[in-house]
PDB file of N, CA and C in Angstrom:
ATOM      1  N   MET A   1     145.398 156.101 115.252  1.00  0.00           N
ATOM      2  CA  MET A   1     144.880 155.599 116.443  1.00  0.00           C
ATOM      3  C   MET A   1     145.451 157.079 117.248  1.00  0.00           C
ATOM      4  N   GLY A   2     144.321 157.071 118.299  1.00  0.00           N
ATOM      5  CA  GLY A   2     144.331 158.349 118.499  1.00  0.00           C
ATOM      6  C   GLY A   2     144.214 157.979 120.439  1.00  0.00           C
ATOM      7  N   VAL A   3     144.356 158.745 121.463  1.00  0.00           N
ATOM      8  CA  VAL A   3     143.586 158.780 122.568  1.00  0.00           C
ATOM      9  C   VAL A   3     143.000 159.551 122.738  1.00  0.00           C
ATOM     10  N   THR A   4     141.708 159.928 123.437  1.00  0.00           N
ATOM     11  CA  THR A   4     141.202 161.022 123.713  1.00  0.00           C
ATOM     12  C   THR A   4     141.886 161.221 125.405  1.00  0.00           C
ATOM     13  N   VAL A   5     142.486 162.402 125.626  1.00  0.00           N
ATOM     14  CA  VAL A   5     142.933 163.122 126.808  1.00  0.00           C
ATOM     15  C   VAL A   5     142.245 163.962 127.329  1.00  0.00           C
ATOM     16  N   TYR A   6     141.685 163.725 128.612  1.00  0.00           N
ATOM     17  CA  TYR A   6     140.732 164.785 129.087  1.00  0.00           C
ATOM     18  C   TYR A   6     141.724 165.726 130.303  1.00  0.00           C
ATOM     19  N   HIS A   7     142.753 165.151 130.804  1.00  0.00           N
ATOM     20  CA  HIS A   7     143.386 166.033 131.958  1.00  0.00           C
ATOM     21  C   HIS A   7     144.750 165.747 131.386  1.00  0.00           C
ATOM     22  N   ASP A   8     146.040 166.151 131.867  1.00  0.00           N
ATOM     23  CA  ASP A   8     147.460 166.278 131.451  1.00  0.00           C
ATOM     24  C   ASP A   8     147.614 164.879 132.707  1.00  0.00           C
ATOM     25  N   TRP A   9     146.777 164.752 133.277  1.00  0.00           N
ATOM     26  CA  TRP A   9     147.471 163.198 133.974  1.00  0.00           C
ATOM     27  C   TRP A   9     146.944 162.434 133.023  1.00  0.00           C
ATOM     28  N   ASP A  10     146.180 161.834 132.834  1.00  0.00           N
ATOM     29  CA  ASP A  10     145.513 161.058 131.832  1.00  0.00           C
ATOM     30  C   ASP A  10     146.431 160.485 130.700  1.00  0.00           C
ATOM     31  N   LYS A  11     147.255 162.133 130.339  1.00  0.00           N
ATOM     32  CA  LYS A  11     148.635 161.500 129.109  1.00  0.00           C
ATOM     33  C   LYS A  11     149.396 161.110 129.560  1.00  0.00           C
ATOM     34  N   GLN A  12     149.722 161.366 130.852  1.00  0.00           N
ATOM     35  CA  GLN A  12     151.075 161.085 131.949  1.00  0.00           C
ATOM     36  C   GLN A  12     150.604 159.354 131.814  1.00  0.00           C
ATOM     37  N   PHE A  13     149.421 158.810 132.717  1.00  0.00           N
ATOM     38  CA  PHE A  13     148.990 157.523 132.699  1.00  0.00           C
ATOM     39  C   PHE A  13     149.332 156.972 131.388  1.00  0.00           C
ATOM     40  N   TRP A  14     148.508 157.548 130.409  1.00  0.00           N
ATOM     41  CA  TRP A  14     148.668 156.782 129.148  1.00  0.00           C
ATOM     42  C   TRP A  14     150.106 156.386 128.810  1.00  0.00           C
ATOM     43  N   ASN A  15     150.522 157.318 128.792  1.00  0.00           N
ATOM     44  CA  ASN A  15     152.391 157.362 128.411  1.00  0.00           C
ATOM     45  C   ASN A  15     153.229 156.253 129.456  1.00  0.00           C
ATOM     46  N   TRP A  16     152.440 156.304 130.362  1.00  0.00           N
ATOM     47  CA  TRP A  16     152.986 155.013 131.267  1.00  0.00           C
ATOM     48  C   TRP A  16     152.659 153.648 130.846  1.00  0.00           C
ATOM     49  N   PHE A  17     151.619 153.733 130.995  1.00  0.00           N
ATOM     50  CA  PHE A  17     150.925 152.274 130.706  1.00  0.00           C
ATOM     51  C   PHE A  17     151.468 151.806 129.320  1.00  0.00           C
ATOM     52  N   VAL A  18     151.761 152.824 128.069  1.00  0.00           N
ATOM     53  CA  VAL A  18     152.014 152.161 127.078  1.00  0.00           C
ATOM     54  C   VAL A  18     153.338 151.910 127.429  1.00  0.00           C
ATOM     55  N   SER A  19     154.396 152.699 128.375  1.00  0.00           N
ATOM     56  CA  SER A  19     155.596 151.861 127.936  1.00  0.00           C
ATOM     57  C   SER A  19     156.171 150.938 129.223  1.00  0.00           C
ATOM     58  N   PHE A  20     154.939 150.791 130.131  1.00  0.00           N
ATOM     59  CA  PHE A  20     154.623 149.922 130.805  1.00  0.00           C
ATOM     60  C   PHE A  20     154.257 148.315 130.243  1.00  0.00           C
ATOM     61  N   MET A  21     153.435 148.232 129.405  1.00  0.00           N
ATOM     62  CA  MET A  21     153.067 147.192 128.591  1.00  0.00           C
ATOM     63  C   MET A  21     153.546 146.661 127.092  1.00  0.00           C
ATOM     64  N   VAL A  22     154.210 147.841 126.938  1.00  0.00           N
ATOM     65  CA  VAL A  22     155.922 147.242 126.022  1.00  0.00           C
ATOM     66  C   VAL A  22     156.716 146.721 127.037  1.00  0.00           C
ATOM     67  N   SER A  23     157.018 147.199 127.406  1.00  0.00           N
ATOM     68  CA  SER A  23     158.431 146.594 128.755  1.00  0.00           C
ATOM     69  C   SER A  23     158.124 145.745 129.446  1.00  0.00           C
ATOM     70  N   ASN A  24     156.566 145.277 129.145  1.00  0.00           N
ATOM     71  CA  ASN A  24     156.746 143.987 129.976  1.00  0.00           C
ATOM     72  C   ASN A  24     156.080 142.937 128.957  1.00  0.00           C
ATOM     73  N   ASN A  25     155.743 143.198 127.442  1.00  0.00           N
ATOM     74  CA  ASN A  25     155.525 142.127 126.444  1.00  0.00           C
ATOM     75  C   ASN A  25     156.783 141.470 126.230  1.00  0.00           C
ATOM     76  N   LYS A  26     156.202 140.418 125.990  1.00  0.00           N
ATOM     77  CA  LYS A  26     157.250 139.399 126.052  1.00  0.00           C
ATOM     78  C   LYS A  26     157.706 138.999 124.484  1.00  0.00           C
ATOM     79  N   SER A  27     156.823 139.924 123.732  1.00  0.00           N
ATOM     80  CA  SER A  27     157.468 139.812 121.866  1.00  0.00           C
ATOM     81  C   SER A  27     158.066 140.131 121.398  1.00  0.00           C
ATOM     82  N   GLU A  28     158.818 140.493 120.312  1.00  0.00           N
ATOM     83  CA  GLU A  28     160.100 140.274 119.708  1.00  0.00           C
ATOM     84  C   GLU A  28     159.656 141.940 119.555  1.00  0.00           C
ATOM     85  N   LYS A  29     158.668 142.621 119.008  1.00  0.00           N
ATOM     86  CA  LYS A  29     158.526 144.146 118.773  1.00  0.00           C
ATOM     87  C   LYS A  29     158.220 144.738 120.131  1.00  0.00           C
ATOM     88  N   GLY A  30     157.576 143.989 121.062  1.00  0.00           N
ATOM     89  CA  GLY A  30     157.577 144.761 122.704  1.00  0.00           C
ATOM     90  C   GLY A  30     159.177 144.934 122.919  1.00  0.00           C
ATOM     91  N   LYS A  31     159.605 144.120 122.775  1.00  0.00           N
ATOM     92  CA  LYS A  31     161.299 144.205 123.301  1.00  0.00           C
ATOM     93  C   LYS A  31     162.542 144.790 122.081  1.00  0.00           C
ATOM     94  N   LYS A  32     161.831 145.347 121.358  1.00  0.00           N
ATOM     95  CA  LYS A  32     162.598 145.974 120.093  1.00  0.00           C
ATOM     96  C   LYS A  32     161.655 147.943 119.963  1.00  0.00           C
ATOM     97  N   TYR A  33     160.790 148.272 120.249  1.00  0.00           N
ATOM     98  CA  TYR A  33     160.201 149.170 120.466  1.00  0.00           C
ATOM     99  C   TYR A  33     159.921 149.557 121.419  1.00  0.00           C
ATOM    100  N   LEU A  34     160.586 151.503 121.798  1.00  0.00           N
ATOM    101  CA  LEU A  34     160.395 151.899 122.780  1.00  0.00           C
ATOM    102  C   LEU A  34     158.789 152.586 123.197  1.00  0.00           C
ATOM    103  N   LEU A  35     158.146 152.877 122.112  1.00  0.00           N
ATOM    104  CA  LEU A  35     156.767 153.627 122.139  1.00  0.00           C
ATOM    105  C   LEU A  35     156.260 154.640 123.094  1.00  0.00           C
ATOM    106  N   PRO A  36     157.298 155.231 123.784  1.00  0.00           N
ATOM    107  CA  PRO A  36     156.961 156.276 124.858  1.00  0.00           C
ATOM    108  C   PRO A  36     155.782 157.026 124.794  1.00  0.00           C
ATOM    109  N   THR A  37     155.524 157.738 123.412  1.00  0.00           N
ATOM    110  CA  THR A  37     154.824 158.341 122.937  1.00  0.00           C
ATOM    111  C   THR A  37     153.629 157.898 121.924  1.00  0.00           C
ATOM    112  N   ASP A  38     152.715 158.838 122.156  1.00  0.00           N
ATOM    113  CA  ASP A  38     151.206 158.403 120.813  1.00  0.00           C
ATOM    114  C   ASP A  38     151.896 158.559 119.713  1.00  0.00           C
ATOM    115  N   ARG A  39     152.975 159.586 119.775  1.00  0.00           N
ATOM    116  CA  ARG A  39     153.482 160.014 118.485  1.00  0.00           C
ATOM    117  C   ARG A  39     153.694 158.219 117.586  1.00  0.00           C
ATOM    118  N   ASP A  40     155.292 158.243 118.604  1.00  0.00           N
ATOM    119  CA  ASP A  40     156.186 156.944 118.444  1.00  0.00           C
ATOM    120  C   ASP A  40     154.777 155.943 117.382  1.00  0.00           C
ATOM    121  N   ILE A  41     153.500 155.279 118.748  1.00  0.00           N
ATOM    122  CA  ILE A  41     152.493 154.432 118.099  1.00  0.00           C
ATOM    123  C   ILE A  41     152.112 154.549 116.846  1.00  0.00           C
ATOM    124  N   GLU A  42     151.752 155.971 116.868  1.00  0.00           N
ATOM    125  CA  GLU A  42     151.110 156.481 115.121  1.00  0.00           C
ATOM    126  C   GLU A  42     152.240 155.870 113.888  1.00  0.00           C
ATOM    127  N   ILE A  43     153.453 155.732 114.302  1.00  0.00           N
ATOM    128  CA  ILE A  43     154.280 156.118 113.562  1.00  0.00           C
ATOM    129  C   ILE A  43     154.422 154.271 113.138  1.00  0.00           C
ATOM    130  N   LEU A  44     154.781 153.593 114.482  1.00  0.00           N
ATOM    131  CA  LEU A  44     154.810 152.206 114.046  1.00  0.00           C
ATOM    132  C   LEU A  44     153.440 151.733 113.371  1.00  0.00           C
ATOM    133  N   ASP A  45     152.727 152.290 113.767  1.00  0.00           N
ATOM    134  CA  ASP A  45     151.076 151.385 113.309  1.00  0.00           C
ATOM    135  C   ASP A  45     151.174 151.955 111.866  1.00  0.00           C
ATOM    136  N   LYS A  46     151.487 152.964 111.373  1.00  0.00           N
ATOM    137  CA  LYS A  46     151.475 153.631 109.888  1.00  0.00           C
ATOM    138  C   LYS A  46     152.924 152.725 109.284  1.00  0.00           C
ATOM    139  N   CYS A  47     154.119 152.532 109.680  1.00  0.00           N
ATOM    140  CA  CYS A  47     154.495 151.272 109.196  1.00  0.00           C
ATOM    141  C   CYS A  47     154.313 150.075 108.948  1.00  0.00           C
ATOM    142  N   ASN A  48     153.761 149.418 109.998  1.00  0.00           N
ATOM    143  CA  ASN A  48     152.963 147.922 110.003  1.00  0.00           C
ATOM    144  C   ASN A  48     151.965 148.277 108.638  1.00  0.00           C
ATOM    145  N   GLN A  49     151.448 148.962 108.433  1.00  0.00           N
ATOM    146  CA  GLN A  49     150.228 149.141 107.569  1.00  0.00           C
ATOM    147  C   GLN A  49     150.823 149.278 105.991  1.00  0.00           C
ATOM    148  N   LEU A  50     151.828 150.049 105.791  1.00  0.00           N
ATOM    149  CA  LEU A  50     152.794 150.012 104.819  1.00  0.00           C
ATOM    150  C   LEU A  50     153.485 148.527 104.317  1.00  0.00           C
ATOM    151  N   GLU A  51     153.773 148.124 105.457  1.00  0.00           N
ATOM    152  CA  GLU A  51     154.756 146.817 105.543  1.00  0.00           C
ATOM    153  C   GLU A  51     153.654 145.546 104.567  1.00  0.00           C
ATOM    154  N   LYS A  52     152.436 146.037 104.389  1.00  0.00           N
ATOM    155  CA  LYS A  52     151.264 144.927 104.283  1.00  0.00           C
ATOM    156  C   LYS A  52     150.913 145.458 102.802  1.00  0.00           C
ATOM    157  N   LEU A  53     151.343 146.578 102.537  1.00  0.00           N
ATOM    158  CA  LEU A  53     151.362 147.007 100.491  1.00  0.00           C
ATOM    159  C   LEU A  53     152.713 146.401 100.212  1.00  0.00           C
ATOM    160  N   ASN A  54     151.741 146.665  98.852  1.00  0.00           N
ATOM    161  CA  ASN A  54     152.521 146.307  97.644  1.00  0.00           C
ATOM    162  C   ASN A  54     153.697 147.326  97.876  1.00  0.00           C
ATOM    163  N   LEU A  55     154.563 147.274  98.429  1.00  0.00           N
ATOM    164  CA  LEU A  55     156.312 148.533  98.538  1.00  0.00           C
ATOM    165  C   LEU A  55     157.158 147.992  97.473  1.00  0.00           C
ATOM    166  N   SER A  56     157.884 149.014  96.872  1.00  0.00           N
ATOM    167  CA  SER A  56     158.835 148.412  96.355  1.00  0.00           C
ATOM    168  C   SER A  56     159.937 148.331  97.319  1.00  0.00           C
ATOM    169  N   LYS A  57     161.133 147.528  96.531  1.00  0.00           N
ATOM    170  CA  LYS A  57     162.180 147.032  97.524  1.00  0.00           C
ATOM    171  C   LYS A  57     162.468 148.428  98.018  1.00  0.00           C
ATOM    172  N   VAL A  58     162.940 150.062  97.463  1.00  0.00           N
ATOM    173  CA  VAL A  58     163.600 151.504  98.111  1.00  0.00           C
ATOM    174  C   VAL A  58     162.814 151.605  99.485  1.00  0.00           C
ATOM    175  N   GLU A  59     161.182 151.663  99.048  1.00  0.00           N
ATOM    176  CA  GLU A  59     159.863 151.883  99.759  1.00  0.00           C
ATOM    177  C   GLU A  59     160.399 151.290 101.171  1.00  0.00           C
ATOM    178  N   PHE A  60     160.242 149.723 101.208  1.00  0.00           N
ATOM    179  CA  PHE A  60     160.342 149.182 102.355  1.00  0.00           C
ATOM    180  C   PHE A  60     161.668 149.411 103.074  1.00  0.00           C
ATOM    181  N   GLU A  61     162.330 149.014 102.515  1.00  0.00           N
ATOM    182  CA  GLU A  61     163.829 149.620 103.224  1.00  0.00           C
ATOM    183  C   GLU A  61     163.732 150.756 103.812  1.00  0.00           C
ATOM    184  N   LEU A  62     162.815 151.880 103.394  1.00  0.00           N
ATOM    185  CA  LEU A  62     162.768 153.023 104.081  1.00  0.00           C
ATOM    186  C   LEU A  62     161.576 153.061 105.148  1.00  0.00           C
ATOM    187  N   VAL A  63     161.328 152.433 105.004  1.00  0.00           N
ATOM    188  CA  VAL A  63     159.872 151.820 106.527  1.00  0.00           C
ATOM    189  C   VAL A  63     161.087 150.936 107.065  1.00  0.00           C
ATOM    190  N   ALA A  64     161.399 150.051 106.877  1.00  0.00           N
ATOM    191  CA  ALA A  64     162.411 149.786 107.850  1.00  0.00           C
ATOM    192  C   ALA A  64     163.714 150.324 108.601  1.00  0.00           C
ATOM    193  N   LEU A  65     163.925 151.565 107.811  1.00  0.00           N
ATOM    194  CA  LEU A  65     164.969 152.686 108.403  1.00  0.00           C
ATOM    195  C   LEU A  65     164.115 153.495 109.494  1.00  0.00           C
ATOM    196  N   ILE A  66     162.763 153.823 109.045  1.00  0.00           N
ATOM    197  CA  ILE A  66     161.899 154.617 109.908  1.00  0.00           C
ATOM    198  C   ILE A  66     161.784 154.003 111.257  1.00  0.00           C
ATOM    199  N   LYS A  67     161.535 152.414 111.166  1.00  0.00           N
ATOM    200  CA  LYS A  67     161.169 151.664 112.457  1.00  0.00           C
ATOM    201  C   LYS A  67     162.479 151.656 113.196  1.00  0.00           C
ATOM    202  N   THR A  68     163.855 151.577 112.204  1.00  0.00           N
ATOM    203  CA  THR A  68     165.072 151.697 113.553  1.00  0.00           C
ATOM    204  C   THR A  68     164.694 152.680 114.343  1.00  0.00           C
ATOM    205  N   GLN A  69     164.542 153.961 114.214  1.00  0.00           N
ATOM    206  CA  GLN A  69     164.176 155.306 114.430  1.00  0.00           C
ATOM    207  C   GLN A  69     163.774 154.947 116.154  1.00  0.00           C
ATOM    208  N   LEU A  70     162.228 153.526 116.417  1.00  0.00           N
ATOM    209  CA  LEU A  70     161.741 153.964 117.194  1.00  0.00           C
ATOM    210  C   LEU A  70     162.452 152.992 118.278  1.00  0.00           C
ATOM    211  N   GLU A  71     163.345 152.008 117.694  1.00  0.00           N
ATOM    212  CA  GLU A  71     164.624 151.216 118.625  1.00  0.00           C
ATOM    213  C   GLU A  71     165.164 151.564 120.132  1.00  0.00           C
ATOM    214  N   ASP A  72     165.424 151.508 121.000  1.00  0.00           N
ATOM    215  CA  ASP A  72     166.734 151.877 122.096  1.00  0.00           C
ATOM    216  C   ASP A  72     167.534 152.015 121.122  1.00  0.00           C
ATOM    217  N   ASP A  73     168.288 151.236 120.644  1.00  0.00           N
ATOM    218  CA  ASP A  73     169.400 151.684 120.082  1.00  0.00           C
ATOM    219  C   ASP A  73     169.104 151.409 118.545  1.00  0.00           C
ATOM    220  N   TRP A  74     168.986 153.143 118.391  1.00  0.00           N
ATOM    221  CA  TRP A  74     168.395 153.291 116.988  1.00  0.00           C
ATOM    222  C   TRP A  74     169.609 153.969 116.054  1.00  0.00           C
ATOM    223  N   ARG A  75     171.279 153.772 116.642  1.00  0.00           N
ATOM    224  CA  ARG A  75     172.197 154.501 116.136  1.00  0.00           C
ATOM    225  C   ARG A  75     172.992 153.213 115.064  1.00  0.00           C
ATOM    226  N   THR A  76     172.843 152.071 116.115  1.00  0.00           N
ATOM    227  CA  THR A  76     173.275 151.319 115.040  1.00  0.00           C
ATOM    228  C   THR A  76     172.748 150.868 113.931  1.00  0.00           C
ATOM    229  N   PRO A  77     171.596 150.234 113.682  1.00  0.00           N
ATOM    230  CA  PRO A  77     171.101 150.550 112.322  1.00  0.00           C
ATOM    231  C   PRO A  77     171.503 151.378 111.496  1.00  0.00           C
ATOM    232  N   LEU A  78     171.883 152.561 111.876  1.00  0.00           N
ATOM    233  CA  LEU A  78     171.755 153.646 110.556  1.00  0.00           C
ATOM    234  C   LEU A  78     173.222 153.211 110.648  1.00  0.00           C
ATOM    235  N   LEU A  79     174.590 152.968 111.569  1.00  0.00           N
ATOM    236  CA  LEU A  79     175.999 153.265 111.079  1.00  0.00           C
ATOM    237  C   LEU A  79     175.634 152.110 109.972  1.00  0.00           C
ATOM    238  N   MET A  80     174.662 150.745 110.403  1.00  0.00           N
ATOM    239  CA  MET A  80     175.074 149.921 109.647  1.00  0.00           C
ATOM    240  C   MET A  80     174.334 150.016 107.936  1.00  0.00           C
ATOM    241  N   LYS A  81     173.595 150.667 107.852  1.00  0.00           N
ATOM    242  CA  LYS A  81     173.033 151.336 107.023  1.00  0.00           C
ATOM    243  C   LYS A  81     174.060 152.549 106.120  1.00  0.00           C
ATOM    244  N   LEU A  82     174.339 152.900 106.559  1.00  0.00           N
ATOM    245  CA  LEU A  82     175.472 153.944 106.223  1.00  0.00           C
ATOM    246  C   LEU A  82     176.885 153.127 105.695  1.00  0.00           C
ATOM    247  N   ASP A  83     177.068 152.023 106.873  1.00  0.00           N
ATOM    248  CA  ASP A  83     178.121 151.340 105.755  1.00  0.00           C
ATOM    249  C   ASP A  83     178.374 150.587 105.375  1.00  0.00           C
ATOM    250  N   SER A  84     176.975 150.019 104.739  1.00  0.00           N
ATOM    251  CA  SER A  84     176.552 149.298 103.808  1.00  0.00           C
ATOM    252  C   SER A  84     176.712 150.301 102.155  1.00  0.00           C
ATOM    253  N   LEU A  85     176.232 150.911 102.402  1.00  0.00           N
ATOM    254  CA  LEU A  85     176.019 152.201 100.977  1.00  0.00           C
ATOM    255  C   LEU A  85     177.398 152.789 101.246  1.00  0.00           C
ATOM    256  N   LEU A  86     178.429 153.081 101.874  1.00  0.00           N
ATOM    257  CA  LEU A  86     180.060 153.556 101.956  1.00  0.00           C
ATOM    258  C   LEU A  86     180.555 152.314 101.154  1.00  0.00           C
ATOM    259  N   LYS A  87     180.513 151.024 101.649  1.00  0.00           N
ATOM    260  CA  LYS A  87     181.240 149.926 100.767  1.00  0.00           C
ATOM    261  C   LYS A  87     180.242 149.709  99.772  1.00  0.00           C
ATOM    262  N   LYS A  88     179.187 149.771  99.011  1.00  0.00           N
ATOM    263  CA  LYS A  88     178.489 149.745  97.736  1.00  0.00           C
ATOM    264  C   LYS A  88     179.352 150.565  96.800  1.00  0.00           C
ATOM    265  N   ASN A  89     179.377 151.860  97.357  1.00  0.00           N
ATOM    266  CA  ASN A  89     179.724 152.648  96.470  1.00  0.00           C
ATOM    267  C   ASN A  89     181.605 153.325  96.273  1.00  0.00           C
ATOM    268  N   LYS A  90     181.390 152.667  97.554  1.00  0.00           N
ATOM    269  CA  LYS A  90     183.621 153.172  97.543  1.00  0.00           C
ATOM    270  C   LYS A  90     184.299 152.744  96.264  1.00  0.00           C
ATOM    271  N   LYS A  91     184.988 153.690  95.959  1.00  0.00           N
ATOM    272  CA  LYS A  91     185.796 153.251  94.612  1.00  0.00           C
ATOM    273  C   LYS A  91     187.094 153.137  95.088  1.00  0.00           C
ATOM    274  N   ASP A  92     187.679 151.880  94.726  1.00  0.00           N
ATOM    275  CA  ASP A  92     188.875 151.408  94.885  1.00  0.00           C
ATOM    276  C   ASP A  92     190.348 152.366  94.342  1.00  0.00           C
TER     277      ASP A  92
END
């Protein structure tokens, strides 16, 4: 997914427009992901494409973790995953 940008103003407007559309989107994805840049949109688009493929469990979890990095609160999912790994691998 790409946008042809002719001037800096076009890019600034595009970034504002995407942020506006996402913030006013009533869907869950619109509220969950910020997507302030073209690269963020590209990452989400590729993650969505990958989710439609026959991924292994590990690959699917990796894509899900990557998507958390686009969230406003990206630290919480990372901490949850780290806690889960520690709990799973911690020796009593």
